[in-house]
Amino acid sequence: MPQRIPYPPCFSGCSKRECCTPRAYKYEWPELKGANGQHAKAVIEKENPYVTVVPGHSRFILADFCCNRVFVFLDENDNVIVGPRIG
């Protein structure tokens, strides 16, 4: 099984989501919009074991691009409001 690259620190081997992960692993999850945050975290970590999910209620995004991080933005009911993706 692949080894998760810990976050932090940020790891970035490129500047586009598509090149961050081997072809066998996903880099975006638009289908999780509206899903429960804990469910989304479990799905993302199962489908891409190289990333760390960072859930939160703020839509504030850091300026750095990280291949090993996926922000999951949540509403007041802890449901995903934007399809998560690497970055």
PDB file of N, CA and C in Angstrom:
ATOM      1  N   MET A   1       0.843  -1.183   0.000  1.00  0.00           N
ATOM      2  CA  MET A   1       0.000   0.000   0.000  1.00  0.00           C
ATOM      3  C   MET A   1       0.889   1.247   0.000  1.00  0.00           C
ATOM      4  N   PRO A   2       0.489   2.288  -0.737  1.00  0.00           N
ATOM      5  CA  PRO A   2       1.280   3.514  -0.791  1.00  0.00           C
ATOM      6  C   PRO A   2       1.371   4.176   0.585  1.00  0.00           C
ATOM      7  N   GLN A   3       2.430   4.906   0.787  1.00  0.00           N
ATOM      8  CA  GLN A   3       2.654   5.611   2.043  1.00  0.00           C
ATOM      9  C   GLN A   3       2.164   7.045   1.919  1.00  0.00           C
ATOM     10  N   ARG A   4       1.326   7.459   2.864  1.00  0.00           N
ATOM     11  CA  ARG A   4       0.818   8.830   2.871  1.00  0.00           C
ATOM     12  C   ARG A   4       1.984   9.785   3.127  1.00  0.00           C
ATOM     13  N   ILE A   5       2.057  10.857   2.347  1.00  0.00           N
ATOM     14  CA  ILE A   5       3.059  11.902   2.568  1.00  0.00           C
ATOM     15  C   ILE A   5       2.449  12.850   3.591  1.00  0.00           C
ATOM     16  N   PRO A   6       3.045  12.961   4.777  1.00  0.00           N
ATOM     17  CA  PRO A   6       2.419  13.760   5.835  1.00  0.00           C
ATOM     18  C   PRO A   6       2.246  15.226   5.453  1.00  0.00           C
ATOM     19  N   TYR A   7       1.147  15.791   5.902  1.00  0.00           N
ATOM     20  CA  TYR A   7       0.903  17.230   5.763  1.00  0.00           C
ATOM     21  C   TYR A   7       0.550  17.767   7.133  1.00  0.00           C
ATOM     22  N   PRO A   8       1.119  18.858   7.596  1.00  0.00           N
ATOM     23  CA  PRO A   8       2.248  19.531   6.992  1.00  0.00           C
ATOM     24  C   PRO A   8       3.527  18.726   7.127  1.00  0.00           C
ATOM     25  N   PRO A   9       4.550  19.013   6.422  1.00  0.00           N
ATOM     26  CA  PRO A   9       4.746  20.145   5.517  1.00  0.00           C
ATOM     27  C   PRO A   9       4.121  19.889   4.155  1.00  0.00           C
ATOM     28  N   CYS A  10       4.033  20.954   3.409  1.00  0.00           N
ATOM     29  CA  CYS A  10       3.493  20.898   2.061  1.00  0.00           C
ATOM     30  C   CYS A  10       4.488  20.189   1.144  1.00  0.00           C
ATOM     31  N   PHE A  11       3.964  19.285   0.330  1.00  0.00           N
ATOM     32  CA  PHE A  11       4.766  18.645  -0.701  1.00  0.00           C
ATOM     33  C   PHE A  11       4.166  19.023  -2.040  1.00  0.00           C
ATOM     34  N   SER A  12       4.973  19.505  -2.939  1.00  0.00           N
ATOM     35  CA  SER A  12       4.467  19.851  -4.257  1.00  0.00           C
ATOM     36  C   SER A  12       5.532  19.551  -5.298  1.00  0.00           C
ATOM     37  N   GLY A  13       5.256  18.546  -6.103  1.00  0.00           N
ATOM     38  CA  GLY A  13       6.183  18.195  -7.162  1.00  0.00           C
ATOM     39  C   GLY A  13       5.802  18.815  -8.479  1.00  0.00           C
ATOM     40  N   CYS A  14       4.710  19.600  -8.490  1.00  0.00           N
ATOM     41  CA  CYS A  14       4.246  20.224  -9.723  1.00  0.00           C
ATOM     42  C   CYS A  14       3.285  21.351  -9.375  1.00  0.00           C
ATOM     43  N   SER A  15       2.690  21.963 -10.364  1.00  0.00           N
ATOM     44  CA  SER A  15       1.778  23.073 -10.108  1.00  0.00           C
ATOM     45  C   SER A  15       0.364  22.819 -10.621  1.00  0.00           C
ATOM     46  N   LYS A  16       0.084  21.609 -11.083  1.00  0.00           N
ATOM     47  CA  LYS A  16      -1.253  21.261 -11.566  1.00  0.00           C
ATOM     48  C   LYS A  16      -1.739  20.023 -10.824  1.00  0.00           C
ATOM     49  N   ARG A  17      -3.016  19.978 -10.527  1.00  0.00           N
ATOM     50  CA  ARG A  17      -3.589  18.846  -9.801  1.00  0.00           C
ATOM     51  C   ARG A  17      -3.353  17.519 -10.518  1.00  0.00           C
ATOM     52  N   GLU A  18      -3.449  17.541 -11.831  1.00  0.00           N
ATOM     53  CA  GLU A  18      -3.362  16.322 -12.617  1.00  0.00           C
ATOM     54  C   GLU A  18      -2.020  15.609 -12.476  1.00  0.00           C
ATOM     55  N   CYS A  19      -0.956  16.340 -12.193  1.00  0.00           N
ATOM     56  CA  CYS A  19       0.354  15.697 -12.108  1.00  0.00           C
ATOM     57  C   CYS A  19       0.768  15.388 -10.669  1.00  0.00           C
ATOM     58  N   CYS A  20      -0.087  15.659  -9.720  1.00  0.00           N
ATOM     59  CA  CYS A  20       0.247  15.443  -8.310  1.00  0.00           C
ATOM     60  C   CYS A  20       0.199  13.985  -7.885  1.00  0.00           C
ATOM     61  N   THR A  21      -0.533  13.188  -8.564  1.00  0.00           N
ATOM     62  CA  THR A  21      -0.783  11.841  -8.081  1.00  0.00           C
ATOM     63  C   THR A  21      -0.650  10.825  -9.209  1.00  0.00           C
ATOM     64  N   PRO A  22      -0.215   9.627  -8.898  1.00  0.00           N
ATOM     65  CA  PRO A  22      -0.166   8.587  -9.940  1.00  0.00           C
ATOM     66  C   PRO A  22      -1.548   8.395 -10.560  1.00  0.00           C
ATOM     67  N   ARG A  23      -1.586   7.967 -11.786  1.00  0.00           N
ATOM     68  CA  ARG A  23      -2.845   7.823 -12.527  1.00  0.00           C
ATOM     69  C   ARG A  23      -3.909   6.994 -11.806  1.00  0.00           C
ATOM     70  N   ALA A  24      -3.498   6.079 -10.988  1.00  0.00           N
ATOM     71  CA  ALA A  24      -4.456   5.193 -10.321  1.00  0.00           C
ATOM     72  C   ALA A  24      -5.259   5.901  -9.230  1.00  0.00           C
ATOM     73  N   TYR A  25      -4.848   7.098  -8.828  1.00  0.00           N
ATOM     74  CA  TYR A  25      -5.501   7.784  -7.717  1.00  0.00           C
ATOM     75  C   TYR A  25      -6.165   9.068  -8.168  1.00  0.00           C
ATOM     76  N   LYS A  26      -7.291   9.380  -7.519  1.00  0.00           N
ATOM     77  CA  LYS A  26      -8.055  10.574  -7.863  1.00  0.00           C
ATOM     78  C   LYS A  26      -7.395  11.832  -7.318  1.00  0.00           C
ATOM     79  N   TYR A  27      -7.728  12.974  -7.927  1.00  0.00           N
ATOM     80  CA  TYR A  27      -7.238  14.258  -7.446  1.00  0.00           C
ATOM     81  C   TYR A  27      -8.379  15.258  -7.223  1.00  0.00           C
ATOM     82  N   GLU A  28      -9.605  14.881  -7.559  1.00  0.00           N
ATOM     83  CA  GLU A  28     -10.766  15.723  -7.282  1.00  0.00           C
ATOM     84  C   GLU A  28     -11.993  14.847  -7.066  1.00  0.00           C
ATOM     85  N   TRP A  29     -12.949  15.362  -6.264  1.00  0.00           N
ATOM     86  CA  TRP A  29     -14.120  14.597  -5.866  1.00  0.00           C
ATOM     87  C   TRP A  29     -15.370  15.465  -5.951  1.00  0.00           C
ATOM     88  N   PRO A  30     -15.796  15.883  -7.141  1.00  0.00           N
ATOM     89  CA  PRO A  30     -16.983  16.734  -7.263  1.00  0.00           C
ATOM     90  C   PRO A  30     -18.256  16.036  -6.771  1.00  0.00           C
ATOM     91  N   GLU A  31     -18.267  14.721  -6.816  1.00  0.00           N
ATOM     92  CA  GLU A  31     -19.440  13.960  -6.391  1.00  0.00           C
ATOM     93  C   GLU A  31     -19.682  14.035  -4.883  1.00  0.00           C
ATOM     94  N   LEU A  32     -18.719  14.541  -4.115  1.00  0.00           N
ATOM     95  CA  LEU A  32     -18.874  14.631  -2.664  1.00  0.00           C
ATOM     96  C   LEU A  32     -19.527  15.934  -2.200  1.00  0.00           C
ATOM     97  N   LYS A  33     -19.807  16.838  -3.127  1.00  0.00           N
ATOM     98  CA  LYS A  33     -20.522  18.059  -2.754  1.00  0.00           C
ATOM     99  C   LYS A  33     -21.871  17.663  -2.159  1.00  0.00           C
ATOM    100  N   GLY A  34     -22.154  18.157  -0.954  1.00  0.00           N
ATOM    101  CA  GLY A  34     -23.397  17.829  -0.259  1.00  0.00           C
ATOM    102  C   GLY A  34     -23.268  16.663   0.704  1.00  0.00           C
ATOM    103  N   ALA A  35     -22.178  15.900   0.617  1.00  0.00           N
ATOM    104  CA  ALA A  35     -21.976  14.747   1.502  1.00  0.00           C
ATOM    105  C   ALA A  35     -21.545  15.200   2.895  1.00  0.00           C
ATOM    106  N   ASN A  36     -21.741  14.331   3.862  1.00  0.00           N
ATOM    107  CA  ASN A  36     -21.260  14.578   5.214  1.00  0.00           C
ATOM    108  C   ASN A  36     -19.735  14.674   5.199  1.00  0.00           C
ATOM    109  N   GLY A  37     -19.175  15.594   5.970  1.00  0.00           N
ATOM    110  CA  GLY A  37     -17.737  15.827   5.986  1.00  0.00           C
ATOM    111  C   GLY A  37     -16.912  14.616   6.388  1.00  0.00           C
ATOM    112  N   GLN A  38     -17.351  13.876   7.397  1.00  0.00           N
ATOM    113  CA  GLN A  38     -16.604  12.696   7.831  1.00  0.00           C
ATOM    114  C   GLN A  38     -16.623  11.605   6.760  1.00  0.00           C
ATOM    115  N   HIS A  39     -17.776  11.460   6.092  1.00  0.00           N
ATOM    116  CA  HIS A  39     -17.865  10.499   4.990  1.00  0.00           C
ATOM    117  C   HIS A  39     -16.925  10.910   3.855  1.00  0.00           C
ATOM    118  N   ALA A  40     -16.929  12.209   3.528  1.00  0.00           N
ATOM    119  CA  ALA A  40     -16.060  12.712   2.457  1.00  0.00           C
ATOM    120  C   ALA A  40     -14.593  12.448   2.789  1.00  0.00           C
ATOM    121  N   LYS A  41     -14.197  12.699   4.016  1.00  0.00           N
ATOM    122  CA  LYS A  41     -12.811  12.462   4.440  1.00  0.00           C
ATOM    123  C   LYS A  41     -12.434  10.998   4.245  1.00  0.00           C
ATOM    124  N   ALA A  42     -13.309  10.096   4.660  1.00  0.00           N
ATOM    125  CA  ALA A  42     -13.030   8.664   4.530  1.00  0.00           C
ATOM    126  C   ALA A  42     -12.908   8.252   3.066  1.00  0.00           C
ATOM    127  N   VAL A  43     -13.799   8.758   2.220  1.00  0.00           N
ATOM    128  CA  VAL A  43     -13.771   8.428   0.792  1.00  0.00           C
ATOM    129  C   VAL A  43     -12.478   8.934   0.153  1.00  0.00           C
ATOM    130  N   ILE A  44     -12.127  10.180   0.427  1.00  0.00           N
ATOM    131  CA  ILE A  44     -10.930  10.776  -0.179  1.00  0.00           C
ATOM    132  C   ILE A  44      -9.683  10.006   0.232  1.00  0.00           C
ATOM    133  N   GLU A  45      -9.551   9.717   1.521  1.00  0.00           N
ATOM    134  CA  GLU A  45      -8.352   9.015   1.996  1.00  0.00           C
ATOM    135  C   GLU A  45      -8.292   7.573   1.498  1.00  0.00           C
ATOM    136  N   LYS A  46      -9.434   6.976   1.225  1.00  0.00           N
ATOM    137  CA  LYS A  46      -9.446   5.627   0.648  1.00  0.00           C
ATOM    138  C   LYS A  46      -9.057   5.676  -0.831  1.00  0.00           C
ATOM    139  N   GLU A  47      -9.571   6.666  -1.553  1.00  0.00           N
ATOM    140  CA  GLU A  47      -9.342   6.750  -2.989  1.00  0.00           C
ATOM    141  C   GLU A  47      -7.995   7.365  -3.362  1.00  0.00           C
ATOM    142  N   ASN A  48      -7.372   8.075  -2.417  1.00  0.00           N
ATOM    143  CA  ASN A  48      -6.028   8.605  -2.654  1.00  0.00           C
ATOM    144  C   ASN A  48      -5.257   8.596  -1.337  1.00  0.00           C
ATOM    145  N   PRO A  49      -4.534   7.519  -1.076  1.00  0.00           N
ATOM    146  CA  PRO A  49      -3.817   7.398   0.195  1.00  0.00           C
ATOM    147  C   PRO A  49      -2.609   8.317   0.322  1.00  0.00           C
ATOM    148  N   TYR A  50      -2.307   9.114  -0.699  1.00  0.00           N
ATOM    149  CA  TYR A  50      -1.176  10.036  -0.644  1.00  0.00           C
ATOM    150  C   TYR A  50      -1.531  11.389  -0.039  1.00  0.00           C
ATOM    151  N   VAL A  51      -2.819  11.666   0.180  1.00  0.00           N
ATOM    152  CA  VAL A  51      -3.230  12.991   0.626  1.00  0.00           C
ATOM    153  C   VAL A  51      -3.707  12.993   2.077  1.00  0.00           C
ATOM    154  N   THR A  52      -3.662  14.190   2.661  1.00  0.00           N
ATOM    155  CA  THR A  52      -4.238  14.435   3.986  1.00  0.00           C
ATOM    156  C   THR A  52      -5.411  15.380   3.793  1.00  0.00           C
ATOM    157  N   VAL A  53      -6.557  15.018   4.364  1.00  0.00           N
ATOM    158  CA  VAL A  53      -7.753  15.849   4.261  1.00  0.00           C
ATOM    159  C   VAL A  53      -7.727  16.893   5.371  1.00  0.00           C
ATOM    160  N   VAL A  54      -7.997  18.143   4.989  1.00  0.00           N
ATOM    161  CA  VAL A  54      -8.040  19.252   5.941  1.00  0.00           C
ATOM    162  C   VAL A  54      -9.453  19.831   5.910  1.00  0.00           C
ATOM    163  N   PRO A  55     -10.330  19.378   6.844  1.00  0.00           N
ATOM    164  CA  PRO A  55     -11.695  19.893   6.872  1.00  0.00           C
ATOM    165  C   PRO A  55     -11.762  21.249   7.572  1.00  0.00           C
ATOM    166  N   GLY A  56     -12.770  22.046   7.215  1.00  0.00           N
ATOM    167  CA  GLY A  56     -12.942  23.331   7.887  1.00  0.00           C
ATOM    168  C   GLY A  56     -14.199  24.045   7.455  1.00  0.00           C
ATOM    169  N   HIS A  57     -14.604  25.000   8.271  1.00  0.00           N
ATOM    170  CA  HIS A  57     -15.811  25.781   7.994  1.00  0.00           C
ATOM    171  C   HIS A  57     -15.507  27.105   7.312  1.00  0.00           C
ATOM    172  N   SER A  58     -14.263  27.360   7.019  1.00  0.00           N
ATOM    173  CA  SER A  58     -13.869  28.584   6.330  1.00  0.00           C
ATOM    174  C   SER A  58     -13.523  28.235   4.884  1.00  0.00           C
ATOM    175  N   ARG A  59     -13.747  29.169   3.992  1.00  0.00           N
ATOM    176  CA  ARG A  59     -13.361  28.947   2.595  1.00  0.00           C
ATOM    177  C   ARG A  59     -12.036  29.624   2.294  1.00  0.00           C
ATOM    178  N   PHE A  60     -11.296  29.966   3.344  1.00  0.00           N
ATOM    179  CA  PHE A  60      -9.976  30.565   3.203  1.00  0.00           C
ATOM    180  C   PHE A  60      -9.014  29.521   2.651  1.00  0.00           C
ATOM    181  N   ILE A  61      -8.303  29.858   1.587  1.00  0.00           N
ATOM    182  CA  ILE A  61      -7.361  28.930   0.960  1.00  0.00           C
ATOM    183  C   ILE A  61      -5.954  29.516   1.073  1.00  0.00           C
ATOM    184  N   LEU A  62      -5.017  28.677   1.460  1.00  0.00           N
ATOM    185  CA  LEU A  62      -3.618  29.104   1.507  1.00  0.00           C
ATOM    186  C   LEU A  62      -3.101  29.293   0.089  1.00  0.00           C
ATOM    187  N   ALA A  63      -2.159  30.188  -0.066  1.00  0.00           N
ATOM    188  CA  ALA A  63      -1.632  30.509  -1.393  1.00  0.00           C
ATOM    189  C   ALA A  63      -0.733  29.413  -1.959  1.00  0.00           C
ATOM    190  N   ASP A  64      -0.177  28.579  -1.089  1.00  0.00           N
ATOM    191  CA  ASP A  64       0.709  27.524  -1.592  1.00  0.00           C
ATOM    192  C   ASP A  64      -0.096  26.361  -2.169  1.00  0.00           C
ATOM    193  N   PHE A  65       0.477  25.687  -3.132  1.00  0.00           N
ATOM    194  CA  PHE A  65      -0.155  24.538  -3.780  1.00  0.00           C
ATOM    195  C   PHE A  65       0.517  23.281  -3.261  1.00  0.00           C
ATOM    196  N   CYS A  66      -0.270  22.394  -2.660  1.00  0.00           N
ATOM    197  CA  CYS A  66       0.289  21.179  -2.056  1.00  0.00           C
ATOM    198  C   CYS A  66      -0.326  19.934  -2.675  1.00  0.00           C
ATOM    199  N   CYS A  67       0.520  19.046  -3.135  1.00  0.00           N
ATOM    200  CA  CYS A  67       0.051  17.794  -3.721  1.00  0.00           C
ATOM    201  C   CYS A  67      -0.438  16.801  -2.666  1.00  0.00           C
ATOM    202  N   ASN A  68      -0.150  17.057  -1.422  1.00  0.00           N
ATOM    203  CA  ASN A  68      -0.536  16.110  -0.376  1.00  0.00           C
ATOM    204  C   ASN A  68      -1.629  16.660   0.533  1.00  0.00           C
ATOM    205  N   ARG A  69      -2.396  17.643   0.050  1.00  0.00           N
ATOM    206  CA  ARG A  69      -3.449  18.263   0.857  1.00  0.00           C
ATOM    207  C   ARG A  69      -4.733  18.386   0.044  1.00  0.00           C
ATOM    208  N   VAL A  70      -5.859  18.093   0.708  1.00  0.00           N
ATOM    209  CA  VAL A  70      -7.180  18.314   0.129  1.00  0.00           C
ATOM    210  C   VAL A  70      -8.010  19.077   1.152  1.00  0.00           C
ATOM    211  N   PHE A  71      -8.387  20.313   0.821  1.00  0.00           N
ATOM    212  CA  PHE A  71      -9.295  21.061   1.683  1.00  0.00           C
ATOM    213  C   PHE A  71     -10.710  20.545   1.460  1.00  0.00           C
ATOM    214  N   VAL A  72     -11.451  20.373   2.558  1.00  0.00           N
ATOM    215  CA  VAL A  72     -12.869  20.015   2.489  1.00  0.00           C
ATOM    216  C   VAL A  72     -13.627  21.115   3.217  1.00  0.00           C
ATOM    217  N   PHE A  73     -14.351  21.937   2.459  1.00  0.00           N
ATOM    218  CA  PHE A  73     -15.085  23.064   3.020  1.00  0.00           C
ATOM    219  C   PHE A  73     -16.474  22.614   3.436  1.00  0.00           C
ATOM    220  N   LEU A  74     -16.827  22.929   4.695  1.00  0.00           N
ATOM    221  CA  LEU A  74     -18.063  22.435   5.285  1.00  0.00           C
ATOM    222  C   LEU A  74     -19.017  23.580   5.640  1.00  0.00           C
ATOM    223  N   ASP A  75     -20.321  23.289   5.562  1.00  0.00           N
ATOM    224  CA  ASP A  75     -21.320  24.261   6.001  1.00  0.00           C
ATOM    225  C   ASP A  75     -21.591  24.066   7.495  1.00  0.00           C
ATOM    226  N   GLU A  76     -22.582  24.773   8.010  1.00  0.00           N
ATOM    227  CA  GLU A  76     -22.888  24.708   9.446  1.00  0.00           C
ATOM    228  C   GLU A  76     -23.399  23.338   9.894  1.00  0.00           C
ATOM    229  N   ASN A  77     -23.813  22.500   8.946  1.00  0.00           N
ATOM    230  CA  ASN A  77     -24.274  21.141   9.258  1.00  0.00           C
ATOM    231  C   ASN A  77     -23.191  20.098   8.984  1.00  0.00           C
ATOM    232  N   ASP A  78     -21.970  20.546   8.733  1.00  0.00           N
ATOM    233  CA  ASP A  78     -20.826  19.682   8.425  1.00  0.00           C
ATOM    234  C   ASP A  78     -20.989  18.905   7.123  1.00  0.00           C
ATOM    235  N   ASN A  79     -21.669  19.522   6.169  1.00  0.00           N
ATOM    236  CA  ASN A  79     -21.780  18.948   4.832  1.00  0.00           C
ATOM    237  C   ASN A  79     -20.854  19.699   3.883  1.00  0.00           C
ATOM    238  N   VAL A  80     -20.313  18.990   2.908  1.00  0.00           N
ATOM    239  CA  VAL A  80     -19.358  19.554   1.956  1.00  0.00           C
ATOM    240  C   VAL A  80     -20.064  20.556   1.043  1.00  0.00           C
ATOM    241  N   ILE A  81     -19.490  21.765   0.916  1.00  0.00           N
ATOM    242  CA  ILE A  81     -20.140  22.797   0.096  1.00  0.00           C
ATOM    243  C   ILE A  81     -19.493  22.990  -1.273  1.00  0.00           C
ATOM    244  N   VAL A  82     -18.279  22.494  -1.455  1.00  0.00           N
ATOM    245  CA  VAL A  82     -17.569  22.593  -2.734  1.00  0.00           C
ATOM    246  C   VAL A  82     -16.882  21.259  -2.977  1.00  0.00           C
ATOM    247  N   GLY A  83     -16.923  20.760  -4.202  1.00  0.00           N
ATOM    248  CA  GLY A  83     -16.249  19.501  -4.507  1.00  0.00           C
ATOM    249  C   GLY A  83     -14.766  19.562  -4.140  1.00  0.00           C
ATOM    250  N   PRO A  84     -14.298  18.717  -3.219  1.00  0.00           N
ATOM    251  CA  PRO A  84     -12.893  18.746  -2.795  1.00  0.00           C
ATOM    252  C   PRO A  84     -11.937  18.390  -3.933  1.00  0.00           C
ATOM    253  N   ARG A  85     -10.725  18.951  -3.848  1.00  0.00           N
ATOM    254  CA  ARG A  85      -9.679  18.635  -4.822  1.00  0.00           C
ATOM    255  C   ARG A  85      -8.313  18.917  -4.215  1.00  0.00           C
ATOM    256  N   ILE A  86      -7.319  18.280  -4.767  1.00  0.00           N
ATOM    257  CA  ILE A  86      -5.948  18.476  -4.301  1.00  0.00           C
ATOM    258  C   ILE A  86      -5.547  19.933  -4.491  1.00  0.00           C
ATOM    259  N   GLY A  87      -4.753  20.432  -3.600  1.00  0.00           N
ATOM    260  CA  GLY A  87      -4.236  21.782  -3.721  1.00  0.00           C
ATOM    261  C   GLY A  87      -3.882  22.313  -2.395  1.00  0.00           C
TER     262      GLY A  87
END
